[in-house]
């Protein structure tokens, strides 16, 4: 009889520990709303500047000539650059070509 009670207690403890580790001690409803937290993240507006290219221009040289107000990585700016100018993904820039340069400006958030 003693072994049966000890076995039942072990199974109950194991079940409680499993539920605590998988679902958590606090229910999900007690956490903040994730949509409300997204409003406090950094937000940017993107303006495009049309530029006529010259001999020797590259995306990096144009980014240096037209810097962004916000801190954006080069990879993000290049991704937006190629999104605005998809024809430049497979070919080089030609002098006299009209391209668009993305310029990021930060928006003030009121949290």
N, C-alpha and C. Protein backbone atom coordinates (compact mmCIF):
# COMPACT_ATOMS: atom_id res chain seq x y z
N UNK A 1 0.82 -1.18 0.00
CA UNK A 1 0.00 0.00 0.00
C UNK A 1 0.87 1.27 0.00
N UNK A 2 1.98 1.20 0.72
CA UNK A 2 2.88 2.33 0.79
C UNK A 2 3.47 2.63 -0.59
N UNK A 3 3.84 1.59 -1.35
CA UNK A 3 4.40 1.77 -2.68
C UNK A 3 3.38 2.38 -3.64
N UNK A 4 2.14 2.02 -3.50
CA UNK A 4 1.08 2.56 -4.34
C UNK A 4 0.89 4.06 -4.09
N UNK A 5 0.92 4.49 -2.85
CA UNK A 5 0.77 5.91 -2.51
C UNK A 5 1.99 6.70 -2.97
N UNK A 6 3.19 6.17 -2.78
CA UNK A 6 4.42 6.85 -3.23
C UNK A 6 4.42 6.97 -4.75
N UNK A 7 4.00 5.92 -5.46
CA UNK A 7 3.93 5.95 -6.92
C UNK A 7 2.91 7.00 -7.38
N UNK A 8 1.77 7.08 -6.74
CA UNK A 8 0.75 8.08 -7.10
C UNK A 8 1.28 9.49 -6.87
N UNK A 9 1.98 9.72 -5.78
CA UNK A 9 2.55 11.05 -5.49
C UNK A 9 3.60 11.41 -6.53
N UNK A 10 4.43 10.46 -6.93
CA UNK A 10 5.46 10.71 -7.95
C UNK A 10 4.81 11.08 -9.28
N UNK A 11 3.76 10.36 -9.67
CA UNK A 11 3.07 10.67 -10.92
C UNK A 11 2.40 12.04 -10.87
N UNK A 12 1.82 12.39 -9.75
CA UNK A 12 1.18 13.70 -9.61
C UNK A 12 2.24 14.81 -9.69
N UNK A 13 3.37 14.63 -9.01
CA UNK A 13 4.45 15.63 -9.08
C UNK A 13 5.01 15.74 -10.49
N UNK A 14 5.19 14.61 -11.16
CA UNK A 14 5.71 14.63 -12.53
C UNK A 14 4.74 15.36 -13.46
N UNK A 15 3.45 15.15 -13.28
CA UNK A 15 2.45 15.82 -14.11
C UNK A 15 2.45 17.32 -13.85
N UNK A 16 2.53 17.72 -12.59
CA UNK A 16 2.55 19.14 -12.25
C UNK A 16 3.80 19.81 -12.82
N UNK A 17 4.94 19.16 -12.72
CA UNK A 17 6.19 19.72 -13.25
C UNK A 17 6.11 19.83 -14.77
N UNK A 18 5.58 18.81 -15.43
CA UNK A 18 5.44 18.84 -16.90
C UNK A 18 4.54 19.99 -17.34
N UNK A 19 3.40 20.15 -16.69
CA UNK A 19 2.49 21.24 -17.04
C UNK A 19 3.14 22.59 -16.78
N UNK A 20 3.87 22.71 -15.68
CA UNK A 20 4.53 23.97 -15.35
C UNK A 20 5.60 24.31 -16.38
N UNK A 21 6.35 23.32 -16.85
CA UNK A 21 7.42 23.59 -17.81
C UNK A 21 6.89 23.84 -19.22
N UNK A 22 5.79 23.19 -19.60
CA UNK A 22 5.29 23.37 -20.96
C UNK A 22 4.37 24.58 -21.09
N UNK A 23 3.42 24.74 -20.18
CA UNK A 23 2.47 25.85 -20.27
C UNK A 23 2.92 27.08 -19.51
N UNK A 24 3.71 26.89 -18.51
CA UNK A 24 4.17 28.01 -17.70
C UNK A 24 3.32 28.16 -16.45
N UNK A 25 3.90 28.83 -15.48
CA UNK A 25 3.21 29.04 -14.21
C UNK A 25 2.10 30.07 -14.37
N UNK A 26 2.39 31.14 -15.13
CA UNK A 26 1.41 32.20 -15.34
C UNK A 26 0.68 31.96 -16.66
N UNK A 27 -0.60 32.20 -16.70
CA UNK A 27 -1.32 32.04 -17.97
C UNK A 27 -0.91 33.13 -18.96
N UNK A 28 -1.10 32.86 -20.24
CA UNK A 28 -0.69 33.81 -21.27
C UNK A 28 -1.48 35.11 -21.21
N UNK A 29 -2.68 35.08 -20.68
CA UNK A 29 -3.50 36.28 -20.61
C UNK A 29 -2.91 37.33 -19.68
N UNK A 30 -2.03 36.95 -18.79
CA UNK A 30 -1.48 37.92 -17.84
C UNK A 30 -0.34 38.74 -18.43
N UNK A 31 0.17 38.35 -19.60
CA UNK A 31 1.25 39.10 -20.22
C UNK A 31 0.69 40.29 -20.99
N UNK A 32 1.55 41.26 -21.28
CA UNK A 32 1.12 42.45 -22.01
C UNK A 32 0.72 42.07 -23.42
N UNK A 33 -0.07 42.91 -24.00
CA UNK A 33 -0.51 42.72 -25.37
C UNK A 33 0.66 43.01 -26.31
N UNK A 34 1.08 42.06 -27.16
CA UNK A 34 2.23 42.32 -28.03
C UNK A 34 1.96 43.41 -29.06
N UNK A 35 0.70 43.63 -29.43
CA UNK A 35 0.40 44.70 -30.38
C UNK A 35 0.69 46.07 -29.78
N UNK A 36 0.47 46.22 -28.50
CA UNK A 36 0.74 47.49 -27.84
C UNK A 36 2.24 47.75 -27.75
N UNK A 37 3.04 46.71 -27.66
CA UNK A 37 4.49 46.87 -27.58
C UNK A 37 5.09 47.25 -28.93
N UNK A 38 4.47 46.87 -30.02
CA UNK A 38 5.01 47.16 -31.34
C UNK A 38 4.98 48.65 -31.65
N UNK A 39 4.10 49.40 -31.02
CA UNK A 39 4.03 50.83 -31.29
C UNK A 39 5.25 51.57 -30.76
N UNK A 40 5.95 50.99 -29.79
CA UNK A 40 7.10 51.65 -29.21
C UNK A 40 8.41 51.29 -29.91
N UNK A 41 8.35 50.47 -30.93
CA UNK A 41 9.55 50.14 -31.68
C UNK A 41 9.91 51.32 -32.59
N UNK A 42 11.14 51.34 -33.04
CA UNK A 42 11.56 52.40 -33.93
C UNK A 42 10.81 52.29 -35.25
N UNK A 43 10.31 53.41 -35.70
CA UNK A 43 9.58 53.44 -36.96
C UNK A 43 10.28 54.40 -37.90
N UNK A 44 10.27 54.05 -39.17
CA UNK A 44 10.96 54.84 -40.18
C UNK A 44 10.01 55.15 -41.33
N UNK A 45 10.23 56.28 -41.93
CA UNK A 45 9.58 56.58 -43.20
C UNK A 45 10.66 56.57 -44.26
N UNK A 46 10.29 56.11 -45.43
CA UNK A 46 11.26 55.98 -46.51
C UNK A 46 10.88 56.96 -47.61
N UNK A 47 11.81 57.85 -47.91
CA UNK A 47 11.65 58.75 -49.04
C UNK A 47 12.60 58.28 -50.14
N UNK A 48 12.21 58.49 -51.36
CA UNK A 48 13.10 58.13 -52.47
C UNK A 48 13.57 59.41 -53.16
N UNK A 49 14.83 59.40 -53.52
CA UNK A 49 15.43 60.53 -54.22
C UNK A 49 15.83 60.04 -55.61
N UNK A 50 15.28 60.62 -56.67
CA UNK A 50 15.72 60.22 -58.01
C UNK A 50 17.10 60.83 -58.31
N UNK A 51 17.98 60.00 -58.83
CA UNK A 51 19.36 60.42 -59.11
C UNK A 51 19.74 59.94 -60.50
N UNK A 52 20.43 60.78 -61.23
CA UNK A 52 20.99 60.38 -62.52
C UNK A 52 22.43 59.96 -62.26
N UNK A 53 22.76 58.74 -62.63
CA UNK A 53 24.08 58.19 -62.32
C UNK A 53 25.15 58.78 -63.21
N UNK A 54 26.36 58.74 -62.68
CA UNK A 54 27.54 59.18 -63.42
C UNK A 54 28.51 58.02 -63.51
N UNK A 55 29.56 58.18 -64.25
CA UNK A 55 30.56 57.14 -64.42
C UNK A 55 31.23 56.84 -63.08
N UNK A 56 31.30 55.59 -62.70
CA UNK A 56 31.95 55.18 -61.47
C UNK A 56 31.05 55.13 -60.25
N UNK A 57 29.77 55.43 -60.42
CA UNK A 57 28.85 55.36 -59.28
C UNK A 57 28.56 53.92 -58.89
N UNK A 58 28.39 53.72 -57.61
CA UNK A 58 27.99 52.42 -57.07
C UNK A 58 26.92 52.69 -56.01
N UNK A 59 26.18 51.67 -55.59
CA UNK A 59 25.18 51.92 -54.53
C UNK A 59 25.81 52.48 -53.26
N UNK A 60 27.00 52.00 -52.90
CA UNK A 60 27.64 52.49 -51.68
C UNK A 60 28.05 53.96 -51.81
N UNK A 61 28.54 54.36 -52.98
CA UNK A 61 28.92 55.77 -53.15
C UNK A 61 27.69 56.68 -53.15
N UNK A 62 26.58 56.19 -53.68
CA UNK A 62 25.35 56.98 -53.65
C UNK A 62 24.78 57.06 -52.24
N UNK A 63 24.92 55.97 -51.46
CA UNK A 63 24.48 56.01 -50.06
C UNK A 63 25.31 57.00 -49.26
N UNK A 64 26.60 57.11 -49.59
CA UNK A 64 27.46 58.08 -48.90
C UNK A 64 27.09 59.51 -49.29
N UNK A 65 26.69 59.70 -50.55
CA UNK A 65 26.32 61.04 -51.00
C UNK A 65 24.96 61.47 -50.46
N UNK A 66 24.08 60.50 -50.24
CA UNK A 66 22.73 60.77 -49.72
C UNK A 66 22.52 59.96 -48.45
N UNK A 67 23.07 60.40 -47.32
CA UNK A 67 22.96 59.61 -46.08
C UNK A 67 21.55 59.64 -45.51
N UNK A 68 21.26 58.63 -44.70
CA UNK A 68 19.96 58.54 -44.02
C UNK A 68 20.07 59.15 -42.64
N UNK A 69 18.97 59.72 -42.19
CA UNK A 69 18.91 60.29 -40.84
C UNK A 69 18.92 59.19 -39.78
N UNK A 70 18.31 58.06 -40.09
CA UNK A 70 18.20 56.95 -39.15
C UNK A 70 19.37 55.99 -39.33
N UNK A 71 19.70 55.25 -38.27
CA UNK A 71 20.74 54.24 -38.35
C UNK A 71 20.17 52.97 -38.97
N UNK A 72 20.48 52.75 -40.23
CA UNK A 72 20.01 51.58 -40.97
C UNK A 72 21.25 50.86 -41.48
N UNK A 73 21.23 49.54 -41.40
CA UNK A 73 22.38 48.78 -41.86
C UNK A 73 22.49 48.86 -43.38
N UNK A 74 23.68 48.60 -43.87
CA UNK A 74 23.92 48.62 -45.31
C UNK A 74 23.09 47.55 -46.00
N UNK A 75 22.95 46.40 -45.38
CA UNK A 75 22.16 45.32 -45.99
C UNK A 75 20.70 45.73 -46.17
N UNK A 76 20.14 46.42 -45.18
CA UNK A 76 18.75 46.87 -45.29
C UNK A 76 18.60 47.92 -46.39
N UNK A 77 19.55 48.83 -46.46
CA UNK A 77 19.48 49.86 -47.51
C UNK A 77 19.67 49.25 -48.89
N UNK A 78 20.57 48.28 -49.00
CA UNK A 78 20.76 47.63 -50.30
C UNK A 78 19.52 46.85 -50.71
N UNK A 79 18.87 46.20 -49.76
CA UNK A 79 17.65 45.45 -50.07
C UNK A 79 16.57 46.39 -50.60
N UNK A 80 16.40 47.53 -49.95
CA UNK A 80 15.40 48.50 -50.41
C UNK A 80 15.82 49.12 -51.73
N UNK A 81 17.12 49.35 -51.92
CA UNK A 81 17.63 49.90 -53.18
C UNK A 81 17.30 48.98 -54.34
N UNK A 82 17.54 47.68 -54.17
CA UNK A 82 17.26 46.73 -55.25
C UNK A 82 15.76 46.48 -55.40
N UNK A 83 14.99 46.73 -54.34
CA UNK A 83 13.53 46.64 -54.46
C UNK A 83 13.01 47.80 -55.31
N UNK A 84 13.60 48.98 -55.14
CA UNK A 84 13.19 50.14 -55.93
C UNK A 84 13.74 50.10 -57.35
N UNK A 85 14.89 49.46 -57.53
CA UNK A 85 15.55 49.37 -58.84
C UNK A 85 15.83 47.91 -59.19
N UNK A 86 14.80 47.13 -59.51
CA UNK A 86 15.02 45.69 -59.73
C UNK A 86 15.88 45.39 -60.96
N UNK A 87 15.94 46.31 -61.91
CA UNK A 87 16.75 46.07 -63.11
C UNK A 87 18.24 46.08 -62.81
N UNK A 88 18.66 46.63 -61.67
CA UNK A 88 20.09 46.69 -61.34
C UNK A 88 20.60 45.43 -60.65
N UNK A 89 19.73 44.46 -60.39
CA UNK A 89 20.18 43.23 -59.75
C UNK A 89 21.05 42.39 -60.70
N UNK A 90 20.75 42.47 -61.99
CA UNK A 90 21.47 41.62 -62.95
C UNK A 90 22.38 42.41 -63.88
N UNK A 91 22.43 43.73 -63.72
CA UNK A 91 23.30 44.53 -64.58
C UNK A 91 23.94 45.65 -63.78
N UNK A 92 24.99 46.20 -64.33
CA UNK A 92 25.70 47.30 -63.67
C UNK A 92 25.01 48.63 -63.98
N UNK A 93 25.34 49.64 -63.19
CA UNK A 93 24.78 50.97 -63.43
C UNK A 93 25.40 51.56 -64.69
N UNK A 94 24.56 52.20 -65.47
CA UNK A 94 25.00 52.85 -66.70
C UNK A 94 24.98 54.35 -66.46
N UNK A 95 26.02 55.08 -66.87
CA UNK A 95 26.00 56.54 -66.68
C UNK A 95 24.80 57.17 -67.40
N UNK A 96 24.13 58.09 -66.73
CA UNK A 96 22.97 58.77 -67.28
C UNK A 96 21.65 58.08 -66.97
N UNK A 97 21.71 56.99 -66.24
CA UNK A 97 20.50 56.24 -65.90
C UNK A 97 19.82 56.87 -64.68
N UNK A 98 18.49 56.91 -64.69
CA UNK A 98 17.72 57.45 -63.57
C UNK A 98 17.39 56.32 -62.61
N UNK A 99 17.88 56.44 -61.37
CA UNK A 99 17.60 55.43 -60.35
C UNK A 99 17.05 56.12 -59.11
N UNK A 100 16.49 55.32 -58.21
CA UNK A 100 15.92 55.85 -56.97
C UNK A 100 16.77 55.41 -55.78
N UNK A 101 17.09 56.35 -54.91
CA UNK A 101 17.88 56.08 -53.71
C UNK A 101 16.95 56.16 -52.50
N UNK A 102 16.90 55.11 -51.66
CA UNK A 102 16.07 55.19 -50.45
C UNK A 102 16.76 55.98 -49.35
N UNK A 103 16.03 56.89 -48.74
CA UNK A 103 16.54 57.68 -47.62
C UNK A 103 15.56 57.49 -46.47
N UNK A 104 16.07 57.00 -45.35
CA UNK A 104 15.24 56.71 -44.19
C UNK A 104 15.25 57.90 -43.24
N UNK A 105 14.07 58.26 -42.76
CA UNK A 105 13.95 59.27 -41.71
C UNK A 105 13.19 58.64 -40.55
N UNK A 106 13.62 58.94 -39.34
CA UNK A 106 12.98 58.34 -38.18
C UNK A 106 11.75 59.15 -37.78
N UNK A 107 10.77 58.43 -37.22
CA UNK A 107 9.53 59.05 -36.76
C UNK A 107 9.53 58.99 -35.24
N UNK A 108 9.16 60.08 -34.58
CA UNK A 108 9.12 60.08 -33.12
C UNK A 108 7.94 59.25 -32.64
N UNK A 109 8.20 58.38 -31.69
CA UNK A 109 7.16 57.53 -31.11
C UNK A 109 6.75 58.09 -29.76
N UNK A 110 5.47 58.10 -29.51
CA UNK A 110 4.95 58.50 -28.21
C UNK A 110 4.48 57.23 -27.52
N UNK A 111 5.23 56.79 -26.52
CA UNK A 111 4.90 55.55 -25.82
C UNK A 111 4.25 55.84 -24.48
